[in-house]
Amino acid sequence: MAPPNQICLVVVIFLSIFSLSSLPTSAIIPKANVSLPIPSSQLVENLCNGKAIQNRRFCLKALSTHEVIAAMDTTQLGTLIMKLGAANAKATLNVYNEIIKKPGSPQALKALNCC
C-alpha cells in the first residue's frame, strides 16, 4: 500500500489539473442515468478528509464514479485518479485546440498560448 503522502500528492496534482480546467465536472465525469447518489467508498472518504484537500465537496464529487468507488486499495485509487486527471487534461487540450482555430485578437491568442 502506498504511503498517505504519495496519495495526497496524486490527489493534489489531479485536483489542480481538474480545477484549472475550464471544463465543467460533467465534461469529464459523465452523469449517470440514475437519480440515486453514488456512495463514496471508505478510501475516497479518507482521502477527501485529508489535510491537503481544501474542497472536500469537490473531491467527493470528482471521485464519485463507480470505478473509483470500487477501488480496493490506495494504489488502485491513485491509478484511477491519474487516469481521470489525464482524461481532463486531454479534454482541456481539445478545447484549447478548438479555441485557437477560431479567429480572435492577437492579445487573446498570446494569453491563451501563455497558459
N, C-alpha and C. Protein backbone atom coordinates (compact mmCIF):
# COMPACT_ATOMS: atom_id res chain seq x y z
N MET A 1 0.83 -1.17 0.00
CA MET A 1 0.00 0.00 0.00
C MET A 1 0.89 1.24 0.00
N ALA A 2 0.50 2.27 -0.79
CA ALA A 2 1.29 3.49 -0.88
C ALA A 2 1.12 4.32 0.39
N PRO A 3 2.19 5.01 0.79
CA PRO A 3 2.09 5.88 1.96
C PRO A 3 1.07 7.00 1.71
N PRO A 4 0.43 7.50 2.77
CA PRO A 4 -0.58 8.56 2.61
C PRO A 4 -0.04 9.80 1.90
N ASN A 5 1.24 10.12 2.10
CA ASN A 5 1.82 11.30 1.44
C ASN A 5 1.80 11.17 -0.07
N GLN A 6 2.05 9.97 -0.58
CA GLN A 6 2.02 9.76 -2.03
C GLN A 6 0.62 9.91 -2.56
N ILE A 7 -0.35 9.39 -1.85
CA ILE A 7 -1.75 9.51 -2.27
C ILE A 7 -2.16 10.97 -2.26
N CYS A 8 -1.78 11.70 -1.23
CA CYS A 8 -2.11 13.13 -1.16
C CYS A 8 -1.50 13.88 -2.33
N LEU A 9 -0.26 13.56 -2.68
CA LEU A 9 0.39 14.21 -3.81
C LEU A 9 -0.35 13.92 -5.10
N VAL A 10 -0.75 12.69 -5.31
CA VAL A 10 -1.50 12.32 -6.51
C VAL A 10 -2.82 13.08 -6.56
N VAL A 11 -3.50 13.16 -5.45
CA VAL A 11 -4.79 13.86 -5.41
C VAL A 11 -4.60 15.36 -5.65
N VAL A 12 -3.58 15.94 -5.06
CA VAL A 12 -3.34 17.38 -5.25
C VAL A 12 -3.05 17.66 -6.72
N ILE A 13 -2.25 16.82 -7.37
CA ILE A 13 -1.96 17.00 -8.79
C ILE A 13 -3.25 16.87 -9.60
N PHE A 14 -4.02 15.84 -9.34
CA PHE A 14 -5.27 15.64 -10.06
C PHE A 14 -6.21 16.82 -9.87
N LEU A 15 -6.42 17.22 -8.63
CA LEU A 15 -7.36 18.30 -8.37
C LEU A 15 -6.86 19.63 -8.93
N SER A 16 -5.55 19.83 -8.96
CA SER A 16 -5.00 21.05 -9.56
C SER A 16 -5.31 21.09 -11.05
N ILE A 17 -5.04 20.00 -11.73
CA ILE A 17 -5.34 19.93 -13.16
C ILE A 17 -6.83 20.08 -13.38
N PHE A 18 -7.61 19.39 -12.59
CA PHE A 18 -9.05 19.38 -12.74
C PHE A 18 -9.65 20.75 -12.47
N SER A 19 -9.19 21.43 -11.42
CA SER A 19 -9.77 22.72 -11.06
C SER A 19 -9.31 23.83 -11.99
N LEU A 20 -8.14 23.70 -12.61
CA LEU A 20 -7.66 24.72 -13.54
C LEU A 20 -8.32 24.61 -14.90
N SER A 21 -8.94 23.50 -15.15
CA SER A 21 -9.61 23.30 -16.43
C SER A 21 -10.82 24.20 -16.53
N SER A 22 -11.09 24.65 -17.76
CA SER A 22 -12.28 25.48 -17.98
C SER A 22 -13.51 24.62 -18.18
N LEU A 23 -13.34 23.32 -18.18
CA LEU A 23 -14.46 22.41 -18.40
C LEU A 23 -15.22 22.16 -17.11
N PRO A 24 -16.53 22.01 -17.20
CA PRO A 24 -17.28 21.62 -16.01
C PRO A 24 -16.99 20.17 -15.66
N THR A 25 -17.24 19.81 -14.43
CA THR A 25 -17.00 18.44 -13.99
C THR A 25 -17.72 17.44 -14.89
N SER A 26 -18.91 17.79 -15.35
CA SER A 26 -19.70 16.86 -16.15
C SER A 26 -19.06 16.57 -17.50
N ALA A 27 -18.11 17.41 -17.95
CA ALA A 27 -17.45 17.14 -19.22
C ALA A 27 -16.48 15.97 -19.09
N ILE A 28 -16.00 15.71 -17.90
CA ILE A 28 -15.04 14.64 -17.68
C ILE A 28 -15.71 13.44 -17.02
N ILE A 29 -16.54 13.71 -16.05
CA ILE A 29 -17.22 12.65 -15.33
C ILE A 29 -18.66 12.62 -15.82
N PRO A 30 -18.97 11.69 -16.70
CA PRO A 30 -20.32 11.68 -17.27
C PRO A 30 -21.39 11.46 -16.20
N LYS A 31 -22.53 12.06 -16.44
CA LYS A 31 -23.63 11.90 -15.50
C LYS A 31 -24.29 10.55 -15.73
N ALA A 32 -24.56 9.87 -14.64
CA ALA A 32 -25.22 8.57 -14.73
C ALA A 32 -26.70 8.79 -14.97
N ASN A 33 -27.35 7.81 -15.54
CA ASN A 33 -28.77 7.90 -15.83
C ASN A 33 -29.63 7.49 -14.64
N VAL A 34 -29.05 7.43 -13.47
CA VAL A 34 -29.80 7.09 -12.27
C VAL A 34 -29.85 8.32 -11.37
N SER A 35 -30.90 8.42 -10.61
CA SER A 35 -31.05 9.60 -9.76
C SER A 35 -30.45 9.42 -8.37
N LEU A 36 -30.11 8.19 -8.01
CA LEU A 36 -29.54 7.95 -6.69
C LEU A 36 -28.08 8.36 -6.65
N PRO A 37 -27.62 9.02 -5.60
CA PRO A 37 -26.20 9.37 -5.49
C PRO A 37 -25.37 8.11 -5.27
N ILE A 38 -24.15 8.15 -5.76
CA ILE A 38 -23.25 7.02 -5.60
C ILE A 38 -22.54 7.17 -4.25
N PRO A 39 -22.66 6.20 -3.36
CA PRO A 39 -21.99 6.33 -2.06
C PRO A 39 -20.48 6.23 -2.22
N SER A 40 -19.76 7.02 -1.45
CA SER A 40 -18.30 7.01 -1.52
C SER A 40 -17.74 5.84 -0.75
N SER A 41 -16.67 5.27 -1.24
CA SER A 41 -16.00 4.20 -0.51
C SER A 41 -15.22 4.80 0.65
N GLN A 42 -14.79 3.98 1.55
CA GLN A 42 -14.03 4.46 2.70
C GLN A 42 -12.70 5.06 2.26
N LEU A 43 -12.08 4.49 1.21
CA LEU A 43 -10.82 5.05 0.70
C LEU A 43 -11.02 6.48 0.23
N VAL A 44 -12.09 6.71 -0.54
CA VAL A 44 -12.37 8.05 -1.06
C VAL A 44 -12.69 8.99 0.10
N GLU A 45 -13.49 8.53 1.04
CA GLU A 45 -13.82 9.34 2.21
C GLU A 45 -12.56 9.76 2.96
N ASN A 46 -11.69 8.80 3.22
CA ASN A 46 -10.45 9.09 3.94
C ASN A 46 -9.59 10.08 3.16
N LEU A 47 -9.52 9.88 1.86
CA LEU A 47 -8.70 10.75 1.03
C LEU A 47 -9.24 12.17 1.02
N CYS A 48 -10.55 12.32 0.83
CA CYS A 48 -11.15 13.65 0.75
C CYS A 48 -11.20 14.36 2.09
N ASN A 49 -11.03 13.61 3.18
CA ASN A 49 -10.97 14.21 4.51
C ASN A 49 -9.55 14.59 4.92
N GLY A 50 -8.58 14.33 4.03
CA GLY A 50 -7.18 14.62 4.34
C GLY A 50 -6.90 16.11 4.47
N LYS A 51 -5.83 16.44 5.18
CA LYS A 51 -5.46 17.84 5.43
C LYS A 51 -5.13 18.59 4.14
N ALA A 52 -4.60 17.89 3.12
CA ALA A 52 -4.20 18.55 1.88
C ALA A 52 -5.38 18.94 1.00
N ILE A 53 -6.56 18.40 1.28
CA ILE A 53 -7.74 18.67 0.46
C ILE A 53 -8.43 19.92 0.98
N GLN A 54 -8.52 20.93 0.12
CA GLN A 54 -9.12 22.20 0.52
C GLN A 54 -10.63 22.22 0.28
N ASN A 55 -11.10 21.46 -0.71
CA ASN A 55 -12.52 21.47 -1.03
C ASN A 55 -13.04 20.04 -0.98
N ARG A 56 -13.50 19.62 0.18
CA ARG A 56 -13.94 18.24 0.39
C ARG A 56 -15.10 17.88 -0.52
N ARG A 57 -16.06 18.78 -0.68
CA ARG A 57 -17.23 18.51 -1.51
C ARG A 57 -16.83 18.26 -2.96
N PHE A 58 -15.92 19.09 -3.48
CA PHE A 58 -15.45 18.90 -4.85
C PHE A 58 -14.72 17.57 -4.98
N CYS A 59 -13.89 17.24 -4.00
CA CYS A 59 -13.14 15.98 -4.02
C CYS A 59 -14.10 14.80 -4.09
N LEU A 60 -15.12 14.81 -3.24
CA LEU A 60 -16.09 13.70 -3.23
C LEU A 60 -16.85 13.63 -4.55
N LYS A 61 -17.21 14.78 -5.11
CA LYS A 61 -17.94 14.79 -6.38
C LYS A 61 -17.06 14.27 -7.51
N ALA A 62 -15.82 14.74 -7.55
CA ALA A 62 -14.91 14.35 -8.63
C ALA A 62 -14.58 12.86 -8.57
N LEU A 63 -14.58 12.30 -7.38
CA LEU A 63 -14.21 10.90 -7.21
C LEU A 63 -15.42 10.00 -6.95
N SER A 64 -16.58 10.39 -7.44
CA SER A 64 -17.78 9.61 -7.19
C SER A 64 -18.20 8.79 -8.41
N THR A 65 -17.24 8.19 -9.10
CA THR A 65 -17.57 7.29 -10.20
C THR A 65 -17.59 5.86 -9.67
N HIS A 66 -18.32 5.01 -10.34
CA HIS A 66 -18.40 3.60 -9.90
C HIS A 66 -17.01 2.96 -9.87
N GLU A 67 -16.19 3.27 -10.87
CA GLU A 67 -14.86 2.67 -10.95
C GLU A 67 -13.98 3.09 -9.78
N VAL A 68 -14.01 4.38 -9.44
CA VAL A 68 -13.19 4.88 -8.33
C VAL A 68 -13.68 4.30 -7.00
N ILE A 69 -14.97 4.28 -6.82
CA ILE A 69 -15.54 3.77 -5.57
C ILE A 69 -15.22 2.28 -5.39
N ALA A 70 -15.06 1.57 -6.50
CA ALA A 70 -14.76 0.14 -6.42
C ALA A 70 -13.28 -0.13 -6.15
N ALA A 71 -12.45 0.91 -6.09
CA ALA A 71 -11.02 0.72 -5.83
C ALA A 71 -10.81 -0.04 -4.52
N MET A 72 -9.92 -1.02 -4.58
CA MET A 72 -9.71 -1.89 -3.43
C MET A 72 -8.54 -1.45 -2.53
N ASP A 73 -7.64 -0.62 -3.07
CA ASP A 73 -6.51 -0.17 -2.27
C ASP A 73 -6.05 1.19 -2.78
N THR A 74 -5.11 1.80 -2.06
CA THR A 74 -4.66 3.15 -2.41
C THR A 74 -3.91 3.19 -3.73
N THR A 75 -3.23 2.12 -4.09
CA THR A 75 -2.53 2.08 -5.38
C THR A 75 -3.53 2.12 -6.53
N GLN A 76 -4.57 1.32 -6.44
CA GLN A 76 -5.60 1.32 -7.47
C GLN A 76 -6.33 2.67 -7.51
N LEU A 77 -6.60 3.23 -6.35
CA LEU A 77 -7.25 4.53 -6.28
C LEU A 77 -6.38 5.61 -6.93
N GLY A 78 -5.10 5.60 -6.62
CA GLY A 78 -4.17 6.57 -7.21
C GLY A 78 -4.11 6.45 -8.72
N THR A 79 -4.10 5.22 -9.22
CA THR A 79 -4.07 4.98 -10.67
C THR A 79 -5.34 5.54 -11.33
N LEU A 80 -6.48 5.30 -10.72
CA LEU A 80 -7.74 5.81 -11.27
C LEU A 80 -7.79 7.33 -11.24
N ILE A 81 -7.27 7.94 -10.18
CA ILE A 81 -7.23 9.40 -10.08
C ILE A 81 -6.35 9.97 -11.19
N MET A 82 -5.22 9.33 -11.44
CA MET A 82 -4.34 9.81 -12.51
C MET A 82 -5.01 9.66 -13.88
N LYS A 83 -5.77 8.60 -14.08
CA LYS A 83 -6.49 8.42 -15.34
C LYS A 83 -7.54 9.53 -15.52
N LEU A 84 -8.24 9.87 -14.44
CA LEU A 84 -9.20 10.97 -14.51
C LEU A 84 -8.49 12.29 -14.84
N GLY A 85 -7.35 12.52 -14.21
CA GLY A 85 -6.57 13.74 -14.48
C GLY A 85 -6.09 13.80 -15.93
N ALA A 86 -5.63 12.66 -16.44
CA ALA A 86 -5.16 12.60 -17.84
C ALA A 86 -6.32 12.84 -18.80
N ALA A 87 -7.48 12.28 -18.51
CA ALA A 87 -8.65 12.49 -19.37
C ALA A 87 -9.06 13.96 -19.35
N ASN A 88 -9.00 14.60 -18.19
CA ASN A 88 -9.34 16.01 -18.10
C ASN A 88 -8.33 16.87 -18.85
N ALA A 89 -7.06 16.53 -18.72
CA ALA A 89 -6.02 17.28 -19.43
C ALA A 89 -6.21 17.16 -20.94
N LYS A 90 -6.55 15.98 -21.41
CA LYS A 90 -6.77 15.77 -22.84
C LYS A 90 -7.99 16.56 -23.32
N ALA A 91 -9.06 16.55 -22.54
CA ALA A 91 -10.26 17.31 -22.91
C ALA A 91 -9.96 18.81 -22.93
N THR A 92 -9.17 19.28 -21.97
CA THR A 92 -8.79 20.68 -21.93
C THR A 92 -7.95 21.05 -23.14
N LEU A 93 -7.03 20.17 -23.53
CA LEU A 93 -6.22 20.41 -24.73
C LEU A 93 -7.10 20.47 -25.97
N ASN A 94 -8.09 19.61 -26.06
CA ASN A 94 -9.01 19.64 -27.20
C ASN A 94 -9.76 20.97 -27.26
N VAL A 95 -10.20 21.48 -26.11
CA VAL A 95 -10.88 22.78 -26.07
C VAL A 95 -9.92 23.86 -26.51
N TYR A 96 -8.70 23.84 -26.00
CA TYR A 96 -7.67 24.81 -26.39
C TYR A 96 -7.46 24.79 -27.90
N ASN A 97 -7.30 23.60 -28.47
CA ASN A 97 -7.07 23.48 -29.92
C ASN A 97 -8.24 24.03 -30.72
N GLU A 98 -9.46 23.87 -30.24
CA GLU A 98 -10.63 24.42 -30.93
C GLU A 98 -10.64 25.94 -30.83
N ILE A 99 -10.27 26.47 -29.67
CA ILE A 99 -10.28 27.93 -29.47
C ILE A 99 -9.27 28.60 -30.40
N ILE A 100 -8.06 28.02 -30.53
CA ILE A 100 -7.04 28.68 -31.35
C ILE A 100 -7.34 28.60 -32.84
N LYS A 101 -8.27 27.73 -33.25
CA LYS A 101 -8.67 27.65 -34.66
C LYS A 101 -9.56 28.83 -35.05
N LYS A 102 -10.25 29.40 -34.06
CA LYS A 102 -11.18 30.49 -34.32
C LYS A 102 -10.42 31.82 -34.37
N PRO A 103 -10.83 32.69 -35.29
CA PRO A 103 -10.15 33.99 -35.34
C PRO A 103 -10.42 34.79 -34.07
N GLY A 104 -9.41 35.43 -33.58
CA GLY A 104 -9.53 36.22 -32.36
C GLY A 104 -8.44 37.27 -32.32
N SER A 105 -8.41 38.03 -31.27
CA SER A 105 -7.40 39.09 -31.17
C SER A 105 -6.03 38.47 -30.90
N PRO A 106 -4.98 39.12 -31.37
CA PRO A 106 -3.62 38.62 -31.09
C PRO A 106 -3.32 38.56 -29.59
N GLN A 107 -3.88 39.51 -28.82
CA GLN A 107 -3.64 39.52 -27.38
C GLN A 107 -4.28 38.28 -26.72
N ALA A 108 -5.48 37.93 -27.18
CA ALA A 108 -6.16 36.76 -26.61
C ALA A 108 -5.40 35.49 -26.95
N LEU A 109 -4.92 35.39 -28.18
CA LEU A 109 -4.15 34.20 -28.59
C LEU A 109 -2.84 34.12 -27.80
N LYS A 110 -2.19 35.25 -27.60
CA LYS A 110 -0.94 35.28 -26.83
C LYS A 110 -1.20 34.82 -25.38
N ALA A 111 -2.30 35.31 -24.78
CA ALA A 111 -2.63 34.93 -23.41
C ALA A 111 -2.96 33.45 -23.33
N LEU A 112 -3.69 32.95 -24.32
CA LEU A 112 -4.05 31.54 -24.36
C LEU A 112 -2.82 30.66 -24.50
N ASN A 113 -1.91 31.06 -25.38
CA ASN A 113 -0.67 30.27 -25.56
C ASN A 113 0.20 30.31 -24.32
N CYS A 114 0.14 31.40 -23.58
CA CYS A 114 0.92 31.50 -22.33
C CYS A 114 0.41 30.51 -21.30
N CYS A 115 -0.91 30.34 -21.26
CA CYS A 115 -1.50 29.39 -20.31
C CYS A 115 -1.08 27.99 -20.66
